[in-house]
Amino acid sequence: MKLADIYRKNKCKYSKYIIIIRCGYFYEIYGEDAYIMNKIFGYKIKNVGGMDRVGFPVNSYNKVINRLNRCHINYYIFGSDKIKFKDNNYDKYLEYDYER
C-alpha cells in the first residue's frame, strides 16, 4: 500500500488529526496536514504524485512532537501513538491563508 493511501485511509478515521507516517529515516505528512506543518515548522511542501506532502528526519521527531503538543494539535503516528487534546487547535492552524 502506498503511503498516500495509508494517509487517506487514516484521515477518514482521524479527520482532525495530523497523520504522521514513518518511511525509513523520515516521517511524512500529506494533504492538508502538510499545510499545518508548513505553517508551524516552515517545512517545504512538495507535490508528489498529485498529493502535497512534507517530511522531516527521524532525528527531529522529539522537536516536532513537543511543538505539536505545545500547539495542542491532535496527531496520530501511524502504527503507534495517538494524542488527543480536548481543546484541539487543528482547525485553527488549518485556517491559515495558503497560496496553493
Protein backbone atom coordinates (compact mmCIF):
# COMPACT_ATOMS: atom_id res chain seq x y z
CA MET A 1 0.00 0.00 0.00
CA LYS A 2 1.32 3.46 -0.90
CA LEU A 3 1.95 5.99 1.86
CA ALA A 4 -0.62 8.38 0.37
CA ASP A 5 -3.21 5.58 0.54
CA ILE A 6 -2.33 4.95 4.19
CA TYR A 7 -2.81 8.67 4.81
CA ARG A 8 -6.22 8.75 3.10
CA LYS A 9 -7.46 5.67 4.96
CA ASN A 10 -6.42 7.02 8.36
CA LYS A 11 -7.59 10.57 7.59
CA CYS A 12 -11.15 9.24 7.28
CA LYS A 13 -10.88 7.86 10.80
CA TYR A 14 -8.88 10.75 12.30
CA SER A 15 -10.10 13.77 10.35
CA LYS A 16 -8.93 16.40 12.86
CA TYR A 17 -5.52 14.84 13.46
CA ILE A 18 -2.19 15.29 11.73
CA ILE A 19 -1.38 11.85 10.33
CA ILE A 20 2.35 11.10 10.64
CA ILE A 21 3.78 8.12 8.74
CA ARG A 22 7.31 6.80 9.13
CA CYS A 23 9.14 5.95 5.92
CA GLY A 24 12.68 4.73 6.57
CA TYR A 25 14.66 7.56 8.15
CA PHE A 26 11.90 10.12 7.61
CA TYR A 27 8.37 10.89 8.69
CA GLU A 28 5.93 12.09 6.05
CA ILE A 29 2.74 14.13 6.31
CA TYR A 30 0.27 14.52 3.44
CA GLY A 31 -2.63 16.61 2.21
CA GLU A 32 -3.99 19.44 4.34
CA ASP A 33 -1.83 18.28 7.24
CA ALA A 34 1.23 19.28 5.21
CA TYR A 35 0.00 22.89 5.23
CA ILE A 36 -0.29 22.91 9.02
CA MET A 37 3.27 21.57 9.28
CA ASN A 38 4.40 24.25 6.83
CA LYS A 39 2.84 26.95 8.99
CA ILE A 40 4.32 25.67 12.24
CA PHE A 41 7.75 24.48 11.10
CA GLY A 42 8.29 26.13 7.71
CA TYR A 43 8.70 22.74 6.02
CA LYS A 44 8.64 22.99 2.25
CA ILE A 45 5.54 21.50 0.64
CA LYS A 46 6.20 19.22 -2.32
CA ASN A 47 3.68 17.75 -4.69
CA VAL A 48 4.40 14.06 -5.19
CA GLY A 49 2.08 12.03 -7.36
CA GLY A 50 -0.60 14.71 -7.20
CA MET A 51 -0.54 14.87 -3.41
CA ASP A 52 1.02 17.61 -1.27
CA ARG A 53 3.48 16.38 1.33
CA VAL A 54 6.16 17.45 3.78
CA GLY A 55 8.72 15.35 5.56
CA PHE A 56 11.19 15.53 8.40
CA PRO A 57 14.05 13.28 9.52
CA VAL A 58 13.67 10.80 12.35
CA ASN A 59 16.15 12.76 14.48
CA SER A 60 13.69 15.71 14.51
CA TYR A 61 10.88 13.57 15.96
CA ASN A 62 11.05 14.88 19.54
CA LYS A 63 11.16 18.51 18.39
CA VAL A 64 8.11 18.01 16.17
CA ILE A 65 6.07 16.11 18.76
CA ASN A 66 6.89 18.60 21.54
CA ARG A 67 5.83 21.50 19.31
CA LEU A 68 2.56 19.80 18.28
CA ASN A 69 1.85 19.18 21.96
CA ARG A 70 2.51 22.84 22.84
CA CYS A 71 0.21 23.91 19.99
CA HIS A 72 -2.48 21.47 21.18
CA ILE A 73 -2.86 19.80 17.81
CA ASN A 74 -4.13 16.24 17.72
CA TYR A 75 -1.84 13.82 15.89
CA TYR A 76 -1.73 10.17 15.02
CA ILE A 77 1.57 8.40 14.37
CA PHE A 78 0.66 5.54 12.06
CA GLY A 79 1.07 2.24 13.86
CA SER A 80 1.92 3.86 17.18
CA ASP A 81 0.71 6.77 19.30
CA LYS A 82 -2.45 8.83 19.12
CA ILE A 83 -2.68 12.07 21.07
CA LYS A 84 -5.98 13.86 21.58
CA PHE A 85 -6.44 17.26 23.19
CA LYS A 86 -9.81 18.46 24.47
CA ASP A 87 -9.01 21.88 23.04
CA ASN A 88 -7.66 20.65 19.69
CA ASN A 89 -6.32 23.55 17.59
CA TYR A 90 -6.19 21.61 14.30
CA ASP A 91 -8.80 23.79 12.57
CA LYS A 92 -7.20 26.99 13.87
CA TYR A 93 -3.92 26.14 12.15
CA LEU A 94 -5.68 24.89 9.03
CA GLU A 95 -7.44 28.25 8.57
CA TYR A 96 -4.15 29.87 7.60
CA ASP A 97 -4.39 31.50 4.16
CA TYR A 98 -2.11 29.40 1.96
CA GLU A 99 -1.22 30.06 -1.63
CA ARG A 100 -1.98 26.71 -3.24
